[in-house]
């Protein structure tokens, strides 16, 4: 009888840390996905703001501030691009115009750079993280006209 209780203790000593490590890994992965989704939603929110504001009130600084605030990142981590296309060719100025008969397209995009610092970063394979963080981006774009 003593032999079987000793075996149970050894099995428990092996299984409990393994199960706890798997649970911690799953929680860490879920937090990383949550942050990625939050960043993507912040980019989409800024694009919705551009859509609601229209061409007349579209300010890249306002979009950058909105995206940075929603993603909880620095403004330097947000890039806002606006461009005009005439017949699919990008023009030098967003405010410019196309020749008569050309297809006009005015676009805006928001790109947010973010990084997640995993709790279990020391256990990840070398090269998977940069400075212990996993980098990712949230991106959204819209054709305004």
N, C-alpha and C. Protein backbone atom coordinates (compact mmCIF):
# COMPACT_ATOMS: atom_id res chain seq x y z
N UNK A 1 0.81 -1.19 0.00
CA UNK A 1 0.00 0.00 0.00
C UNK A 1 0.86 1.26 0.00
N UNK A 2 1.94 1.26 0.72
CA UNK A 2 2.83 2.41 0.76
C UNK A 2 3.43 2.67 -0.61
N UNK A 3 3.65 1.60 -1.37
CA UNK A 3 4.23 1.76 -2.70
C UNK A 3 3.28 2.52 -3.63
N UNK A 4 1.99 2.24 -3.58
CA UNK A 4 1.05 2.90 -4.49
C UNK A 4 0.84 4.37 -4.09
N UNK A 5 0.84 4.67 -2.81
CA UNK A 5 0.67 6.07 -2.42
C UNK A 5 1.91 6.88 -2.78
N UNK A 6 3.06 6.28 -2.76
CA UNK A 6 4.28 6.95 -3.18
C UNK A 6 4.25 7.23 -4.68
N UNK A 7 3.70 6.30 -5.44
CA UNK A 7 3.61 6.48 -6.89
C UNK A 7 2.63 7.61 -7.21
N UNK A 8 1.55 7.69 -6.46
CA UNK A 8 0.58 8.76 -6.68
C UNK A 8 1.21 10.12 -6.39
N UNK A 9 2.01 10.19 -5.37
CA UNK A 9 2.67 11.44 -5.02
C UNK A 9 3.64 11.87 -6.13
N UNK A 10 4.37 10.91 -6.69
CA UNK A 10 5.30 11.22 -7.77
C UNK A 10 4.53 11.66 -9.01
N UNK A 11 3.45 10.97 -9.34
CA UNK A 11 2.63 11.35 -10.49
C UNK A 11 2.07 12.76 -10.32
N UNK A 12 1.60 13.06 -9.13
CA UNK A 12 1.06 14.39 -8.85
C UNK A 12 2.16 15.45 -8.96
N UNK A 13 3.34 15.13 -8.45
CA UNK A 13 4.46 16.07 -8.51
C UNK A 13 4.87 16.36 -9.96
N UNK A 14 4.64 15.42 -10.85
CA UNK A 14 4.97 15.64 -12.26
C UNK A 14 3.84 16.35 -13.00
N UNK A 15 2.61 15.92 -12.75
CA UNK A 15 1.46 16.44 -13.50
C UNK A 15 1.05 17.86 -13.10
N UNK A 16 1.04 18.18 -11.84
CA UNK A 16 0.55 19.49 -11.39
C UNK A 16 1.38 20.64 -12.00
N UNK A 17 2.70 20.63 -11.94
CA UNK A 17 3.45 21.72 -12.57
C UNK A 17 3.24 21.78 -14.09
N UNK A 18 3.12 20.62 -14.71
CA UNK A 18 2.89 20.59 -16.16
C UNK A 18 1.55 21.23 -16.51
N UNK A 19 0.51 20.87 -15.78
CA UNK A 19 -0.82 21.44 -16.02
C UNK A 19 -0.82 22.93 -15.73
N UNK A 20 -0.17 23.36 -14.66
CA UNK A 20 -0.10 24.78 -14.34
C UNK A 20 0.65 25.56 -15.43
N UNK A 21 1.72 24.99 -15.97
CA UNK A 21 2.47 25.64 -17.04
C UNK A 21 1.62 25.74 -18.31
N UNK A 22 0.85 24.71 -18.62
CA UNK A 22 -0.04 24.76 -19.78
C UNK A 22 -1.12 25.83 -19.59
N UNK A 23 -1.66 25.93 -18.40
CA UNK A 23 -2.68 26.95 -18.12
C UNK A 23 -2.08 28.36 -18.23
N UNK A 24 -0.88 28.54 -17.71
CA UNK A 24 -0.22 29.84 -17.79
C UNK A 24 0.07 30.20 -19.26
N UNK A 25 0.49 29.22 -20.04
CA UNK A 25 0.74 29.45 -21.47
C UNK A 25 -0.53 29.83 -22.21
N UNK A 26 -1.64 29.16 -21.88
CA UNK A 26 -2.92 29.48 -22.53
C UNK A 26 -3.37 30.89 -22.15
N UNK A 27 -3.21 31.26 -20.90
CA UNK A 27 -3.58 32.61 -20.46
C UNK A 27 -2.70 33.66 -21.14
N UNK A 28 -1.41 33.38 -21.26
CA UNK A 28 -0.48 34.29 -21.91
C UNK A 28 -0.85 34.47 -23.39
N UNK A 29 -1.17 33.39 -24.05
CA UNK A 29 -1.58 33.44 -25.45
C UNK A 29 -2.88 34.24 -25.61
N UNK A 30 -3.82 34.03 -24.71
CA UNK A 30 -5.09 34.76 -24.77
C UNK A 30 -4.87 36.26 -24.57
N UNK A 31 -3.99 36.65 -23.67
CA UNK A 31 -3.69 38.07 -23.46
C UNK A 31 -3.05 38.69 -24.70
N UNK A 32 -2.18 37.94 -25.36
CA UNK A 32 -1.56 38.43 -26.59
C UNK A 32 -2.59 38.65 -27.70
N UNK A 33 -3.50 37.70 -27.87
CA UNK A 33 -4.55 37.84 -28.86
C UNK A 33 -5.49 39.00 -28.51
N UNK A 34 -5.78 39.17 -27.25
CA UNK A 34 -6.64 40.27 -26.81
C UNK A 34 -6.00 41.61 -27.18
N UNK A 35 -4.70 41.75 -26.92
CA UNK A 35 -4.02 43.01 -27.25
C UNK A 35 -3.98 43.23 -28.76
N UNK A 36 -3.77 42.17 -29.53
CA UNK A 36 -3.78 42.29 -30.99
C UNK A 36 -5.16 42.74 -31.47
N UNK A 37 -6.22 42.16 -30.93
CA UNK A 37 -7.57 42.55 -31.33
C UNK A 37 -7.88 43.98 -30.91
N UNK A 38 -7.44 44.38 -29.73
CA UNK A 38 -7.65 45.75 -29.26
C UNK A 38 -6.95 46.73 -30.20
N UNK A 39 -5.76 46.40 -30.66
CA UNK A 39 -5.02 47.26 -31.58
C UNK A 39 -5.73 47.35 -32.92
N UNK A 40 -6.23 46.22 -33.42
CA UNK A 40 -6.95 46.21 -34.70
C UNK A 40 -8.25 47.01 -34.58
N UNK A 41 -8.94 46.88 -33.48
CA UNK A 41 -10.19 47.63 -33.27
C UNK A 41 -9.91 49.13 -33.16
N UNK A 42 -8.77 49.50 -32.59
CA UNK A 42 -8.42 50.92 -32.50
C UNK A 42 -8.19 51.50 -33.90
N UNK A 43 -7.56 50.74 -34.79
CA UNK A 43 -7.37 51.20 -36.16
C UNK A 43 -8.72 51.34 -36.87
N UNK A 44 -9.60 50.37 -36.67
CA UNK A 44 -10.93 50.44 -37.29
C UNK A 44 -11.73 51.62 -36.73
N UNK A 45 -11.57 51.89 -35.44
CA UNK A 45 -12.28 53.02 -34.82
C UNK A 45 -11.83 54.36 -35.42
N UNK A 46 -10.54 54.48 -35.67
CA UNK A 46 -10.03 55.71 -36.28
C UNK A 46 -10.55 55.86 -37.70
N UNK A 47 -10.65 54.76 -38.42
CA UNK A 47 -11.20 54.81 -39.78
C UNK A 47 -12.68 55.18 -39.74
N UNK A 48 -13.41 54.68 -38.77
CA UNK A 48 -14.82 55.08 -38.62
C UNK A 48 -14.92 56.58 -38.36
N UNK A 49 -13.98 57.10 -37.60
CA UNK A 49 -13.95 58.54 -37.34
C UNK A 49 -13.71 59.30 -38.65
N UNK A 50 -12.83 58.78 -39.49
CA UNK A 50 -12.57 59.41 -40.79
C UNK A 50 -13.81 59.37 -41.66
N UNK A 51 -14.52 58.27 -41.61
CA UNK A 51 -15.75 58.13 -42.41
C UNK A 51 -16.81 59.12 -41.93
N UNK A 52 -16.97 59.20 -40.62
CA UNK A 52 -17.99 60.10 -40.05
C UNK A 52 -17.63 61.56 -40.29
N UNK A 53 -16.35 61.89 -40.24
CA UNK A 53 -15.92 63.27 -40.43
C UNK A 53 -15.96 63.72 -41.87
N UNK A 54 -15.77 62.79 -42.79
CA UNK A 54 -15.80 63.14 -44.20
C UNK A 54 -14.53 63.84 -44.66
N UNK A 55 -14.51 64.20 -45.92
CA UNK A 55 -13.33 64.82 -46.52
C UNK A 55 -13.03 66.20 -45.96
N UNK A 56 -14.06 66.94 -45.60
CA UNK A 56 -13.86 68.32 -45.16
C UNK A 56 -13.16 68.40 -43.81
N UNK A 57 -13.46 67.49 -42.92
CA UNK A 57 -12.91 67.58 -41.56
C UNK A 57 -11.87 66.50 -41.27
N UNK A 58 -11.35 65.86 -42.27
CA UNK A 58 -10.40 64.76 -42.08
C UNK A 58 -9.03 65.31 -41.71
N UNK A 59 -8.65 65.18 -40.47
CA UNK A 59 -7.35 65.64 -39.99
C UNK A 59 -6.50 64.43 -39.59
N UNK A 60 -5.36 64.24 -40.23
CA UNK A 60 -4.49 63.13 -39.84
C UNK A 60 -4.07 63.19 -38.38
N UNK A 61 -3.88 64.39 -37.83
CA UNK A 61 -3.50 64.50 -36.42
C UNK A 61 -4.60 64.01 -35.50
N UNK A 62 -5.86 64.34 -35.83
CA UNK A 62 -6.98 63.85 -35.03
C UNK A 62 -7.09 62.33 -35.10
N UNK A 63 -6.92 61.79 -36.29
CA UNK A 63 -6.98 60.33 -36.45
C UNK A 63 -5.85 59.65 -35.69
N UNK A 64 -4.67 60.22 -35.76
CA UNK A 64 -3.52 59.67 -35.05
C UNK A 64 -3.75 59.69 -33.54
N UNK A 65 -4.27 60.79 -33.03
CA UNK A 65 -4.56 60.89 -31.59
C UNK A 65 -5.63 59.90 -31.17
N UNK A 66 -6.68 59.79 -31.97
CA UNK A 66 -7.77 58.85 -31.66
C UNK A 66 -7.26 57.41 -31.64
N UNK A 67 -6.49 57.05 -32.65
CA UNK A 67 -5.97 55.68 -32.72
C UNK A 67 -5.00 55.38 -31.58
N UNK A 68 -4.13 56.33 -31.26
CA UNK A 68 -3.17 56.13 -30.18
C UNK A 68 -3.88 55.98 -28.84
N UNK A 69 -4.90 56.80 -28.63
CA UNK A 69 -5.66 56.73 -27.38
C UNK A 69 -6.41 55.40 -27.27
N UNK A 70 -7.05 54.99 -28.35
CA UNK A 70 -7.83 53.75 -28.31
C UNK A 70 -6.94 52.52 -28.15
N UNK A 71 -5.74 52.55 -28.73
CA UNK A 71 -4.83 51.41 -28.65
C UNK A 71 -3.90 51.48 -27.44
N UNK A 72 -3.95 52.61 -26.74
CA UNK A 72 -3.09 52.82 -25.57
C UNK A 72 -1.60 52.71 -25.95
N UNK A 73 -1.24 53.40 -27.05
CA UNK A 73 0.15 53.45 -27.50
C UNK A 73 0.53 54.92 -27.70
N UNK A 74 1.81 55.16 -27.91
CA UNK A 74 2.29 56.52 -28.18
C UNK A 74 1.88 56.93 -29.59
N UNK A 75 1.71 58.23 -29.80
CA UNK A 75 1.33 58.74 -31.13
C UNK A 75 2.36 58.35 -32.19
N UNK A 76 3.62 58.19 -31.78
CA UNK A 76 4.67 57.80 -32.72
C UNK A 76 4.45 56.40 -33.28
N UNK A 77 3.64 55.60 -32.61
CA UNK A 77 3.36 54.24 -33.07
C UNK A 77 2.20 54.18 -34.05
N UNK A 78 1.65 55.33 -34.42
CA UNK A 78 0.50 55.38 -35.32
C UNK A 78 0.90 56.12 -36.59
N UNK A 79 0.59 55.51 -37.73
CA UNK A 79 0.85 56.15 -39.02
C UNK A 79 -0.49 56.31 -39.75
N UNK A 80 -0.77 57.52 -40.18
CA UNK A 80 -1.98 57.81 -40.95
C UNK A 80 -1.55 58.23 -42.34
N UNK A 81 -2.13 57.59 -43.34
CA UNK A 81 -1.80 57.93 -44.74
C UNK A 81 -3.07 58.31 -45.47
N UNK A 82 -2.98 59.36 -46.28
CA UNK A 82 -4.08 59.78 -47.15
C UNK A 82 -3.51 59.89 -48.55
N UNK A 83 -4.27 59.43 -49.53
CA UNK A 83 -3.80 59.54 -50.90
C UNK A 83 -4.95 59.61 -51.88
N UNK A 84 -4.65 60.17 -53.02
CA UNK A 84 -5.60 60.33 -54.11
C UNK A 84 -5.14 59.45 -55.26
N UNK A 85 -6.08 58.72 -55.86
CA UNK A 85 -5.79 57.93 -57.04
C UNK A 85 -6.68 58.40 -58.19
N UNK A 86 -6.08 58.59 -59.34
CA UNK A 86 -6.80 58.90 -60.57
C UNK A 86 -6.58 57.73 -61.53
N UNK A 87 -7.65 57.03 -61.85
CA UNK A 87 -7.57 55.81 -62.68
C UNK A 87 -6.56 54.82 -62.10
N UNK A 88 -6.53 54.71 -60.78
CA UNK A 88 -5.65 53.74 -60.11
C UNK A 88 -4.21 54.19 -59.94
N UNK A 89 -3.88 55.40 -60.35
CA UNK A 89 -2.52 55.92 -60.20
C UNK A 89 -2.48 56.89 -59.03
N UNK A 90 -1.58 56.64 -58.10
CA UNK A 90 -1.46 57.50 -56.92
C UNK A 90 -0.92 58.86 -57.34
N UNK A 91 -1.57 59.91 -56.85
CA UNK A 91 -1.18 61.29 -57.15
C UNK A 91 -0.33 61.86 -56.02
N UNK A 92 0.34 62.96 -56.31
CA UNK A 92 1.24 63.59 -55.34
C UNK A 92 0.51 64.22 -54.17
N UNK A 93 -0.71 64.70 -54.38
CA UNK A 93 -1.43 65.43 -53.34
C UNK A 93 -2.82 64.85 -53.12
N UNK A 94 -3.19 64.70 -51.86
CA UNK A 94 -4.53 64.23 -51.51
C UNK A 94 -5.58 65.26 -51.91
N UNK A 95 -5.23 66.53 -51.80
CA UNK A 95 -6.17 67.61 -52.08
C UNK A 95 -6.31 67.90 -53.58
N UNK A 96 -5.48 67.27 -54.42
CA UNK A 96 -5.52 67.53 -55.85
C UNK A 96 -6.81 67.05 -56.49
N UNK A 97 -6.86 67.13 -57.80
CA UNK A 97 -8.05 66.67 -58.53
C UNK A 97 -7.59 65.83 -59.72
N UNK A 98 -8.53 65.08 -60.26
CA UNK A 98 -8.26 64.24 -61.42
C UNK A 98 -8.80 64.92 -62.66
N UNK A 99 -8.30 64.50 -63.79
CA UNK A 99 -8.79 65.03 -65.06
C UNK A 99 -10.22 64.55 -65.31
N UNK A 100 -10.93 65.25 -66.12
CA UNK A 100 -12.30 64.90 -66.46
C UNK A 100 -12.34 63.49 -67.07
N UNK A 101 -13.27 62.69 -66.60
CA UNK A 101 -13.43 61.34 -67.11
C UNK A 101 -12.63 60.29 -66.37
N UNK A 102 -11.70 60.70 -65.50
CA UNK A 102 -10.90 59.73 -64.75
C UNK A 102 -11.66 59.28 -63.50
N UNK A 103 -11.41 58.06 -63.11
CA UNK A 103 -12.00 57.53 -61.88
C UNK A 103 -11.24 58.07 -60.69
N UNK A 104 -11.98 58.72 -59.78
CA UNK A 104 -11.38 59.35 -58.61
C UNK A 104 -11.51 58.42 -57.40
N UNK A 105 -10.44 58.31 -56.64
CA UNK A 105 -10.47 57.55 -55.40
C UNK A 105 -9.63 58.24 -54.34
N UNK A 106 -10.25 58.62 -53.24
CA UNK A 106 -9.52 59.20 -52.11
C UNK A 106 -9.55 58.18 -50.99
N UNK A 107 -8.38 57.89 -50.45
CA UNK A 107 -8.25 56.83 -49.47
C UNK A 107 -7.58 57.36 -48.20
N UNK A 108 -7.84 56.67 -47.11
CA UNK A 108 -7.15 56.94 -45.85
C UNK A 108 -6.87 55.58 -45.20
N UNK A 109 -5.71 55.48 -44.56
CA UNK A 109 -5.37 54.25 -43.85
C UNK A 109 -4.74 54.60 -42.50
N UNK A 110 -4.92 53.70 -41.56
CA UNK A 110 -4.34 53.85 -40.22
C UNK A 110 -3.59 52.56 -39.90
N UNK A 111 -2.33 52.70 -39.51
CA UNK A 111 -1.50 51.56 -39.12
C UNK A 111 -0.97 51.82 -37.71
N UNK A 112 -1.24 50.89 -36.80
CA UNK A 112 -0.81 51.03 -35.41
C UNK A 112 0.19 49.92 -35.10
N UNK A 113 1.38 50.29 -34.66
CA UNK A 113 2.39 49.32 -34.25
C UNK A 113 2.30 49.13 -32.74
N UNK A 114 2.33 47.87 -32.32
CA UNK A 114 2.23 47.56 -30.90
C UNK A 114 3.09 46.34 -30.63
N UNK A 115 3.30 46.03 -29.37
CA UNK A 115 4.09 44.86 -28.98
C UNK A 115 3.52 44.27 -27.70
N UNK A 116 3.63 42.96 -27.61
CA UNK A 116 3.17 42.25 -26.41
C UNK A 116 4.36 41.62 -25.72
N UNK A 117 4.46 41.85 -24.43
CA UNK A 117 5.53 41.28 -23.62
C UNK A 117 4.98 40.02 -22.93
N UNK A 118 5.23 38.84 -23.50
CA UNK A 118 4.67 37.62 -22.89
C UNK A 118 5.24 37.36 -21.50
N UNK A 119 4.38 36.82 -20.65
CA UNK A 119 4.83 36.45 -19.31
C UNK A 119 5.89 35.35 -19.38
N UNK A 120 5.73 34.47 -20.36
CA UNK A 120 6.62 33.33 -20.47
C UNK A 120 7.68 33.53 -21.56
N UNK A 121 8.07 34.77 -21.81
CA UNK A 121 9.04 35.08 -22.86
C UNK A 121 10.35 34.31 -22.72
N UNK A 122 10.87 34.12 -21.50
CA UNK A 122 12.13 33.37 -21.40
C UNK A 122 12.03 31.92 -21.87
N UNK A 123 10.82 31.39 -21.94
CA UNK A 123 10.64 30.00 -22.36
C UNK A 123 10.42 29.86 -23.87
N UNK A 124 10.24 30.99 -24.56
CA UNK A 124 10.00 30.94 -26.01
C UNK A 124 11.30 30.68 -26.75
N UNK A 125 11.20 30.06 -27.95
CA UNK A 125 12.41 29.81 -28.74
C UNK A 125 13.14 31.11 -29.09
N UNK A 126 14.45 31.02 -29.17
CA UNK A 126 15.26 32.20 -29.50
C UNK A 126 14.90 32.69 -30.90
N UNK A 127 14.80 34.00 -31.05
CA UNK A 127 14.46 34.59 -32.33
C UNK A 127 12.96 34.81 -32.51
N UNK A 128 12.15 34.27 -31.61
CA UNK A 128 10.70 34.45 -31.73
C UNK A 128 10.28 35.83 -31.24
N UNK A 129 11.06 36.40 -30.34
CA UNK A 129 10.75 37.73 -29.82
C UNK A 129 11.92 38.66 -30.06
N UNK A 130 11.61 39.94 -30.11
CA UNK A 130 12.66 40.95 -30.22
C UNK A 130 12.66 41.70 -28.89
N UNK A 131 13.75 41.63 -28.18
CA UNK A 131 13.86 42.24 -26.85
C UNK A 131 12.78 41.70 -25.92
N UNK A 132 12.39 40.46 -26.09
CA UNK A 132 11.40 39.83 -25.22
C UNK A 132 9.96 40.17 -25.54
N UNK A 133 9.72 40.90 -26.64
CA UNK A 133 8.36 41.30 -27.01
C UNK A 133 8.01 40.79 -28.40
N UNK A 134 6.75 40.52 -28.61
CA UNK A 134 6.25 40.10 -29.92
C UNK A 134 5.57 41.31 -30.55
N UNK A 135 6.08 41.75 -31.71
CA UNK A 135 5.54 42.93 -32.39
C UNK A 135 4.42 42.53 -33.34
N UNK A 136 3.46 43.43 -33.49
CA UNK A 136 2.36 43.23 -34.43
C UNK A 136 1.78 44.57 -34.79
N UNK A 137 0.87 44.57 -35.78
CA UNK A 137 0.25 45.81 -36.24
C UNK A 137 -1.25 45.63 -36.37
N UNK A 138 -1.95 46.75 -36.18
CA UNK A 138 -3.36 46.83 -36.52
C UNK A 138 -3.47 47.76 -37.71
N UNK A 139 -4.23 47.36 -38.72
CA UNK A 139 -4.33 48.16 -39.95
C UNK A 139 -5.76 48.20 -40.42
N UNK A 140 -6.15 49.38 -40.91
CA UNK A 140 -7.46 49.53 -41.51
C UNK A 140 -7.39 50.64 -42.54
N UNK A 141 -8.18 50.51 -43.61
CA UNK A 141 -8.19 51.54 -44.64
C UNK A 141 -9.61 51.72 -45.15
N UNK A 142 -9.82 52.84 -45.84
CA UNK A 142 -11.15 53.20 -46.31
C UNK A 142 -11.05 54.05 -47.56
N UNK A 143 -11.93 53.79 -48.49
CA UNK A 143 -12.06 54.67 -49.65
C UNK A 143 -13.13 55.69 -49.31
N UNK A 144 -12.75 56.96 -49.30
CA UNK A 144 -13.66 58.03 -48.93
C UNK A 144 -14.47 58.55 -50.10
N UNK A 145 -13.91 58.46 -51.28
CA UNK A 145 -14.61 58.99 -52.47
C UNK A 145 -14.33 58.08 -53.64
